N, C-alpha and C. Protein backbone atom coordinates (compact mmCIF):
# COMPACT_ATOMS: atom_id res chain seq x y z
N MET A 1 21.79 25.06 -2.34
CA MET A 1 21.70 24.42 -1.03
C MET A 1 20.25 24.15 -0.68
N GLY A 2 20.00 23.00 -0.07
CA GLY A 2 18.65 22.63 0.29
C GLY A 2 18.17 23.31 1.56
N LYS A 3 16.95 23.02 1.91
CA LYS A 3 16.36 23.59 3.12
C LYS A 3 16.98 22.97 4.37
N ILE A 4 16.98 23.73 5.44
CA ILE A 4 17.39 23.22 6.75
C ILE A 4 16.28 22.27 7.21
N LEU A 5 16.64 21.04 7.52
CA LEU A 5 15.66 20.05 7.95
C LEU A 5 15.80 19.84 9.46
N ILE A 6 14.72 20.15 10.19
CA ILE A 6 14.75 20.17 11.65
C ILE A 6 13.76 19.13 12.20
N SER A 7 14.31 18.18 12.90
CA SER A 7 13.50 17.18 13.59
C SER A 7 12.81 17.84 14.78
N HIS A 8 11.51 17.64 14.88
CA HIS A 8 10.72 18.20 15.98
C HIS A 8 10.83 17.28 17.20
N ARG A 9 11.60 17.71 18.20
CA ARG A 9 11.79 16.96 19.46
C ARG A 9 12.50 15.62 19.28
N GLY A 10 13.18 15.44 18.16
CA GLY A 10 13.87 14.18 17.88
C GLY A 10 13.11 13.27 16.93
N ASN A 11 11.86 13.61 16.64
CA ASN A 11 11.05 12.80 15.73
C ASN A 11 11.54 12.97 14.30
N ILE A 12 11.61 11.87 13.57
CA ILE A 12 11.93 11.97 12.15
C ILE A 12 10.88 11.29 11.28
N ASP A 13 10.14 10.35 11.85
CA ASP A 13 9.17 9.58 11.07
C ASP A 13 7.83 9.49 11.80
N GLY A 14 7.42 10.58 12.42
CA GLY A 14 6.15 10.63 13.14
C GLY A 14 6.33 10.85 14.62
N PRO A 15 5.28 11.35 15.29
CA PRO A 15 5.36 11.62 16.73
C PRO A 15 5.65 10.35 17.54
N ASN A 16 6.41 10.53 18.61
CA ASN A 16 6.72 9.43 19.52
C ASN A 16 6.79 10.03 20.93
N PRO A 17 5.62 10.34 21.52
CA PRO A 17 5.59 11.05 22.80
C PRO A 17 6.43 10.43 23.91
N LYS A 18 6.61 9.11 23.91
CA LYS A 18 7.40 8.47 24.97
C LYS A 18 8.89 8.78 24.86
N SER A 19 9.36 9.12 23.66
CA SER A 19 10.79 9.36 23.45
C SER A 19 11.14 10.83 23.21
N GLU A 20 10.17 11.63 22.82
CA GLU A 20 10.44 13.02 22.46
C GLU A 20 11.21 13.75 23.55
N ASN A 21 12.22 14.49 23.13
CA ASN A 21 13.08 15.29 24.00
C ASN A 21 14.01 14.47 24.89
N HIS A 22 13.99 13.16 24.77
CA HIS A 22 14.95 12.36 25.53
C HIS A 22 16.33 12.56 24.89
N PRO A 23 17.36 12.76 25.68
CA PRO A 23 18.70 13.01 25.12
C PRO A 23 19.15 11.97 24.09
N ASP A 24 18.92 10.68 24.33
CA ASP A 24 19.34 9.65 23.37
C ASP A 24 18.57 9.76 22.05
N TYR A 25 17.30 10.11 22.15
CA TYR A 25 16.45 10.26 20.96
C TYR A 25 16.91 11.46 20.13
N ILE A 26 17.27 12.53 20.82
CA ILE A 26 17.79 13.73 20.15
C ILE A 26 19.08 13.40 19.42
N VAL A 27 19.99 12.72 20.09
CA VAL A 27 21.28 12.37 19.49
C VAL A 27 21.09 11.47 18.27
N LYS A 28 20.13 10.56 18.34
CA LYS A 28 19.86 9.69 17.19
C LYS A 28 19.48 10.51 15.96
N ALA A 29 18.60 11.48 16.13
CA ALA A 29 18.19 12.34 15.01
C ALA A 29 19.37 13.18 14.50
N LEU A 30 20.20 13.66 15.42
CA LEU A 30 21.39 14.42 15.03
C LEU A 30 22.34 13.55 14.21
N HIS A 31 22.54 12.31 14.64
CA HIS A 31 23.42 11.40 13.92
C HIS A 31 22.87 11.02 12.54
N GLU A 32 21.57 11.16 12.37
CA GLU A 32 20.98 10.90 11.05
C GLU A 32 21.09 12.12 10.15
N GLY A 33 21.69 13.20 10.67
CA GLY A 33 21.97 14.37 9.84
C GLY A 33 21.00 15.52 9.97
N TYR A 34 20.03 15.41 10.87
CA TYR A 34 19.04 16.48 11.02
C TYR A 34 19.44 17.46 12.11
N ASP A 35 19.00 18.70 11.98
CA ASP A 35 18.98 19.62 13.11
C ASP A 35 17.83 19.13 14.00
N VAL A 36 17.80 19.58 15.26
CA VAL A 36 16.72 19.15 16.16
C VAL A 36 16.22 20.34 16.98
N GLU A 37 14.90 20.48 17.00
CA GLU A 37 14.24 21.45 17.89
C GLU A 37 14.02 20.72 19.21
N ILE A 38 14.52 21.33 20.30
CA ILE A 38 14.38 20.73 21.62
C ILE A 38 13.63 21.68 22.54
N ASP A 39 12.90 21.14 23.48
CA ASP A 39 12.14 21.92 24.46
C ASP A 39 12.91 21.95 25.76
N VAL A 40 13.27 23.17 26.20
CA VAL A 40 14.14 23.31 27.37
C VAL A 40 13.48 24.22 28.42
N TRP A 41 13.50 23.76 29.65
CA TRP A 41 13.02 24.50 30.82
C TRP A 41 14.21 24.88 31.69
N PHE A 42 14.04 25.93 32.47
CA PHE A 42 15.01 26.25 33.53
C PHE A 42 14.22 26.28 34.82
N ILE A 43 14.45 25.27 35.66
CA ILE A 43 13.69 25.09 36.91
C ILE A 43 14.69 24.77 38.02
N ASN A 44 14.54 25.43 39.17
CA ASN A 44 15.41 25.16 40.32
C ASN A 44 16.90 25.22 39.97
N ASN A 45 17.25 26.25 39.21
CA ASN A 45 18.64 26.49 38.81
C ASN A 45 19.27 25.40 37.94
N LYS A 46 18.44 24.68 37.18
CA LYS A 46 19.00 23.72 36.24
C LYS A 46 18.11 23.63 35.01
N PHE A 47 18.76 23.26 33.89
CA PHE A 47 18.06 23.08 32.63
C PHE A 47 17.49 21.67 32.57
N MET A 48 16.28 21.57 32.01
CA MET A 48 15.61 20.29 31.86
C MET A 48 14.99 20.24 30.46
N LEU A 49 14.87 19.03 29.93
CA LEU A 49 14.20 18.80 28.65
C LEU A 49 12.80 18.27 28.89
N GLY A 50 11.86 18.66 28.04
CA GLY A 50 10.49 18.15 28.12
C GLY A 50 9.53 19.11 27.46
N HIS A 51 8.45 18.59 26.91
CA HIS A 51 7.50 19.45 26.21
C HIS A 51 6.52 20.13 27.17
N ASP A 52 5.63 19.36 27.76
CA ASP A 52 4.61 19.95 28.63
C ASP A 52 5.12 20.23 30.04
N SER A 53 6.20 19.54 30.39
CA SER A 53 6.81 19.74 31.71
C SER A 53 8.25 19.25 31.63
N PRO A 54 9.08 19.65 32.60
CA PRO A 54 10.46 19.17 32.62
C PRO A 54 10.50 17.66 32.91
N GLN A 55 11.18 16.89 32.05
CA GLN A 55 11.22 15.45 32.23
C GLN A 55 12.63 14.89 32.39
N TYR A 56 13.56 15.42 31.63
CA TYR A 56 14.91 14.85 31.59
C TYR A 56 15.95 15.92 31.90
N GLU A 57 16.97 15.53 32.63
CA GLU A 57 18.07 16.48 32.86
C GLU A 57 18.73 16.81 31.54
N PHE A 58 19.09 18.05 31.38
CA PHE A 58 19.71 18.52 30.15
C PHE A 58 21.20 18.22 30.19
N PRO A 59 21.67 17.34 29.30
CA PRO A 59 23.10 17.03 29.29
C PRO A 59 23.88 18.11 28.52
N PHE A 60 24.73 18.84 29.22
CA PHE A 60 25.43 19.95 28.57
C PHE A 60 26.41 19.48 27.50
N ASN A 61 26.83 18.22 27.54
CA ASN A 61 27.68 17.74 26.45
C ASN A 61 26.91 17.73 25.14
N LEU A 62 25.60 17.59 25.18
CA LEU A 62 24.77 17.69 23.99
C LEU A 62 24.89 19.08 23.38
N LEU A 63 24.84 20.07 24.23
CA LEU A 63 24.97 21.46 23.78
C LEU A 63 26.37 21.73 23.25
N GLU A 64 27.37 21.24 23.95
CA GLU A 64 28.75 21.47 23.53
C GLU A 64 29.06 20.79 22.20
N ARG A 65 28.55 19.59 21.99
CA ARG A 65 28.85 18.84 20.77
C ARG A 65 28.02 19.28 19.57
N PHE A 66 26.77 19.66 19.81
CA PHE A 66 25.84 19.88 18.70
C PHE A 66 25.19 21.27 18.69
N TYR A 67 25.79 22.24 19.34
CA TYR A 67 25.14 23.55 19.49
C TYR A 67 24.67 24.14 18.16
N SER A 68 25.41 23.92 17.08
CA SER A 68 25.05 24.52 15.80
C SER A 68 23.86 23.82 15.14
N LYS A 69 23.46 22.66 15.66
CA LYS A 69 22.36 21.89 15.07
C LYS A 69 21.11 21.88 15.94
N LEU A 70 21.16 22.61 17.08
CA LEU A 70 20.02 22.61 18.00
C LEU A 70 19.22 23.91 17.88
N TRP A 71 17.93 23.77 17.86
CA TRP A 71 16.98 24.89 17.87
C TRP A 71 16.30 24.81 19.23
N ILE A 72 16.69 25.69 20.13
CA ILE A 72 16.31 25.59 21.54
C ILE A 72 15.02 26.37 21.79
N HIS A 73 13.95 25.64 21.99
CA HIS A 73 12.65 26.23 22.29
C HIS A 73 12.55 26.36 23.81
N CYS A 74 12.73 27.57 24.29
CA CYS A 74 12.65 27.84 25.73
C CYS A 74 11.19 27.72 26.14
N LYS A 75 10.92 26.84 27.08
CA LYS A 75 9.54 26.58 27.48
C LYS A 75 9.06 27.47 28.63
N ASN A 76 10.00 28.17 29.25
CA ASN A 76 9.61 29.17 30.23
C ASN A 76 10.55 30.37 30.08
N LEU A 77 10.10 31.49 30.58
CA LEU A 77 10.87 32.73 30.43
C LEU A 77 12.24 32.62 31.10
N GLU A 78 12.31 31.87 32.18
CA GLU A 78 13.58 31.69 32.89
C GLU A 78 14.63 31.04 31.99
N ALA A 79 14.21 30.09 31.16
CA ALA A 79 15.15 29.43 30.23
C ALA A 79 15.68 30.44 29.22
N LEU A 80 14.80 31.27 28.70
CA LEU A 80 15.22 32.30 27.74
C LEU A 80 16.25 33.24 28.37
N ILE A 81 15.97 33.68 29.57
CA ILE A 81 16.88 34.59 30.27
C ILE A 81 18.24 33.92 30.51
N GLU A 82 18.24 32.65 30.91
CA GLU A 82 19.50 31.94 31.15
C GLU A 82 20.31 31.76 29.87
N PHE A 83 19.65 31.40 28.77
CA PHE A 83 20.39 31.26 27.52
C PHE A 83 20.93 32.60 27.05
N LYS A 84 20.20 33.66 27.28
CA LYS A 84 20.68 35.00 26.92
C LYS A 84 21.92 35.35 27.74
N GLN A 85 21.99 34.92 28.99
CA GLN A 85 23.17 35.16 29.82
C GLN A 85 24.34 34.29 29.39
N ILE A 86 24.08 33.06 28.98
CA ILE A 86 25.13 32.14 28.54
C ILE A 86 25.75 32.62 27.23
N ASP A 87 24.91 33.08 26.32
CA ASP A 87 25.35 33.49 24.98
C ASP A 87 24.69 34.83 24.62
N PRO A 88 25.15 35.92 25.23
CA PRO A 88 24.47 37.21 25.07
C PRO A 88 24.40 37.75 23.65
N THR A 89 25.34 37.38 22.79
CA THR A 89 25.30 37.87 21.41
C THR A 89 24.78 36.81 20.44
N ALA A 90 24.33 35.69 20.96
CA ALA A 90 23.84 34.58 20.14
C ALA A 90 24.87 34.17 19.10
N SER A 91 26.11 34.20 19.50
CA SER A 91 27.18 33.82 18.57
C SER A 91 27.22 32.31 18.34
N ARG A 92 26.69 31.56 19.28
CA ARG A 92 26.69 30.09 19.15
C ARG A 92 25.29 29.50 19.19
N LEU A 93 24.49 29.89 20.15
CA LEU A 93 23.21 29.23 20.40
C LEU A 93 22.06 29.87 19.64
N ASN A 94 21.13 29.03 19.22
CA ASN A 94 19.93 29.49 18.53
C ASN A 94 18.74 29.11 19.42
N TYR A 95 18.20 30.09 20.11
CA TYR A 95 17.12 29.84 21.06
C TYR A 95 15.98 30.81 20.82
N PHE A 96 14.80 30.44 21.30
CA PHE A 96 13.62 31.29 21.14
C PHE A 96 12.56 30.90 22.16
N TRP A 97 11.59 31.77 22.31
CA TRP A 97 10.45 31.52 23.18
C TRP A 97 9.22 32.09 22.51
N HIS A 98 8.13 31.38 22.59
CA HIS A 98 6.85 31.91 22.08
C HIS A 98 5.70 31.22 22.79
N GLN A 99 4.56 31.88 22.70
CA GLN A 99 3.34 31.33 23.29
C GLN A 99 2.18 31.56 22.35
N GLY A 100 2.06 30.73 21.33
CA GLY A 100 0.94 30.83 20.41
C GLY A 100 1.03 32.00 19.44
N ASP A 101 2.20 32.64 19.36
CA ASP A 101 2.37 33.73 18.41
C ASP A 101 2.38 33.18 17.00
N ASP A 102 1.97 33.98 16.02
CA ASP A 102 2.03 33.55 14.62
C ASP A 102 3.47 33.28 14.21
N VAL A 103 4.37 34.15 14.63
CA VAL A 103 5.80 34.00 14.36
C VAL A 103 6.58 34.50 15.57
N THR A 104 7.82 34.03 15.66
CA THR A 104 8.75 34.58 16.63
C THR A 104 10.11 34.63 15.95
N LEU A 105 11.00 35.43 16.47
CA LEU A 105 12.33 35.56 15.92
C LEU A 105 13.30 34.84 16.84
N THR A 106 14.10 33.93 16.26
CA THR A 106 15.07 33.21 17.08
C THR A 106 16.28 34.11 17.33
N SER A 107 17.13 33.71 18.26
CA SER A 107 18.32 34.49 18.58
C SER A 107 19.27 34.61 17.39
N LYS A 108 19.17 33.68 16.44
CA LYS A 108 19.98 33.73 15.21
C LYS A 108 19.23 34.43 14.09
N ARG A 109 18.08 35.06 14.44
CA ARG A 109 17.30 35.91 13.54
C ARG A 109 16.54 35.14 12.46
N TYR A 110 16.18 33.91 12.76
CA TYR A 110 15.30 33.16 11.87
C TYR A 110 13.85 33.45 12.28
N ILE A 111 12.97 33.56 11.31
CA ILE A 111 11.54 33.69 11.60
C ILE A 111 11.00 32.28 11.78
N TRP A 112 10.53 31.98 12.98
CA TRP A 112 9.97 30.67 13.33
C TRP A 112 8.46 30.83 13.20
N ALA A 113 7.85 30.21 12.20
CA ALA A 113 6.45 30.46 11.86
C ALA A 113 5.54 29.32 12.29
N TYR A 114 4.51 29.67 13.01
CA TYR A 114 3.51 28.72 13.50
C TYR A 114 2.86 28.00 12.32
N PRO A 115 2.40 26.75 12.51
CA PRO A 115 1.73 26.04 11.42
C PRO A 115 0.58 26.86 10.82
N GLY A 116 0.49 26.81 9.50
CA GLY A 116 -0.59 27.51 8.80
C GLY A 116 -0.27 28.94 8.42
N LYS A 117 0.94 29.41 8.67
CA LYS A 117 1.29 30.81 8.41
C LYS A 117 2.17 31.00 7.17
N GLN A 118 2.45 29.95 6.44
CA GLN A 118 3.30 30.04 5.25
C GLN A 118 2.48 30.49 4.04
N PRO A 119 3.11 31.06 3.02
CA PRO A 119 4.55 31.21 2.83
C PRO A 119 5.08 32.53 3.40
N ILE A 120 6.24 32.45 4.04
CA ILE A 120 6.96 33.62 4.55
C ILE A 120 8.40 33.49 4.10
N ASP A 121 8.91 34.51 3.43
CA ASP A 121 10.29 34.48 2.95
C ASP A 121 11.27 34.20 4.08
N ASN A 122 12.20 33.31 3.82
CA ASN A 122 13.33 33.02 4.72
C ASN A 122 12.92 32.61 6.12
N SER A 123 11.81 31.93 6.25
CA SER A 123 11.32 31.49 7.56
C SER A 123 11.57 30.00 7.76
N ILE A 124 11.26 29.56 8.96
CA ILE A 124 11.21 28.13 9.28
C ILE A 124 9.74 27.75 9.34
N ALA A 125 9.33 26.83 8.49
CA ALA A 125 7.95 26.34 8.48
C ALA A 125 7.83 25.24 9.51
N VAL A 126 6.97 25.43 10.50
CA VAL A 126 6.78 24.44 11.55
C VAL A 126 5.56 23.59 11.23
N MET A 127 5.78 22.30 11.18
CA MET A 127 4.72 21.32 10.93
C MET A 127 3.87 21.69 9.71
N PRO A 128 4.50 21.93 8.56
CA PRO A 128 3.73 22.38 7.40
C PRO A 128 2.70 21.36 6.90
N GLU A 129 2.90 20.10 7.25
CA GLU A 129 1.96 19.07 6.81
C GLU A 129 0.58 19.22 7.45
N LEU A 130 0.49 19.91 8.58
CA LEU A 130 -0.80 20.06 9.27
C LEU A 130 -1.80 20.86 8.45
N ASN A 131 -1.29 21.86 7.69
CA ASN A 131 -2.17 22.73 6.91
C ASN A 131 -1.80 22.75 5.43
N ASN A 132 -1.01 21.76 5.02
CA ASN A 132 -0.54 21.71 3.64
C ASN A 132 0.08 23.05 3.24
N ASP A 133 0.94 23.58 4.13
CA ASP A 133 1.58 24.87 3.90
C ASP A 133 2.47 24.86 2.67
N ASN A 134 2.50 25.98 1.99
CA ASN A 134 3.41 26.20 0.88
C ASN A 134 4.78 26.53 1.48
N THR A 135 5.75 25.67 1.29
CA THR A 135 7.08 25.86 1.89
C THR A 135 8.10 26.38 0.88
N SER A 136 7.64 26.86 -0.26
CA SER A 136 8.57 27.28 -1.31
C SER A 136 9.46 28.45 -0.91
N LYS A 137 9.00 29.30 -0.02
CA LYS A 137 9.78 30.49 0.35
C LYS A 137 10.58 30.32 1.64
N CYS A 138 10.36 29.25 2.36
CA CYS A 138 11.05 29.08 3.65
C CYS A 138 12.47 28.55 3.45
N VAL A 139 13.31 28.78 4.46
CA VAL A 139 14.69 28.27 4.41
C VAL A 139 14.81 26.95 5.16
N GLY A 140 13.79 26.62 5.95
CA GLY A 140 13.85 25.40 6.72
C GLY A 140 12.47 24.89 7.08
N ILE A 141 12.44 23.62 7.48
CA ILE A 141 11.20 22.96 7.88
C ILE A 141 11.46 22.22 9.18
N CYS A 142 10.53 22.36 10.12
CA CYS A 142 10.57 21.61 11.37
C CYS A 142 9.33 20.72 11.41
N SER A 143 9.55 19.42 11.55
CA SER A 143 8.43 18.50 11.47
C SER A 143 8.70 17.22 12.25
N ASP A 144 7.61 16.58 12.69
CA ASP A 144 7.69 15.23 13.25
C ASP A 144 8.00 14.22 12.15
N TYR A 145 7.71 14.60 10.92
CA TYR A 145 7.90 13.73 9.75
C TYR A 145 9.01 14.27 8.85
N ILE A 146 10.09 14.77 9.44
CA ILE A 146 11.13 15.44 8.68
C ILE A 146 11.77 14.53 7.64
N LYS A 147 11.76 13.24 7.88
CA LYS A 147 12.31 12.29 6.91
C LYS A 147 11.61 12.43 5.55
N ASN A 148 10.33 12.76 5.56
CA ASN A 148 9.57 12.92 4.31
C ASN A 148 10.04 14.10 3.47
N TYR A 149 10.71 15.06 4.10
CA TYR A 149 11.18 16.25 3.38
C TYR A 149 12.61 16.07 2.89
N ASN A 150 13.21 14.95 3.20
CA ASN A 150 14.61 14.68 2.84
C ASN A 150 14.67 13.98 1.49
N LYS A 151 14.11 14.63 0.49
CA LYS A 151 14.07 14.03 -0.84
C LYS A 151 14.61 14.99 -1.86
């Protein structure tokens, strides 16, 4: 079996800041067969998508249809707490939170490794192209250029 290929914010062929984390952009990457890392906030009792700030309302049908293909990057502690309440045993959702840590552990027990920290056995290599990371030991790759790893 090949590596898990994860689109970073919906990107598959390079960064696209105007579209990143937009629900339609995420669905497009999912329909192309990729998992997708999404940035989720919990603000004023609702979930929102966006990297540096909440930008788009979080459509729960996205979660219901594609929960097994989403890597939920909680952008604030409140989002992490809410996802933990929604899925306390992480039986469905794969979510995580970090702030510049070298690695973090997702709710599904994957090691999510910051760029430049590879090789780590059974980890997810994030943006390995930034530091020419050795991805031989990882189980997955998350990248803006994920299409390049689909070979």
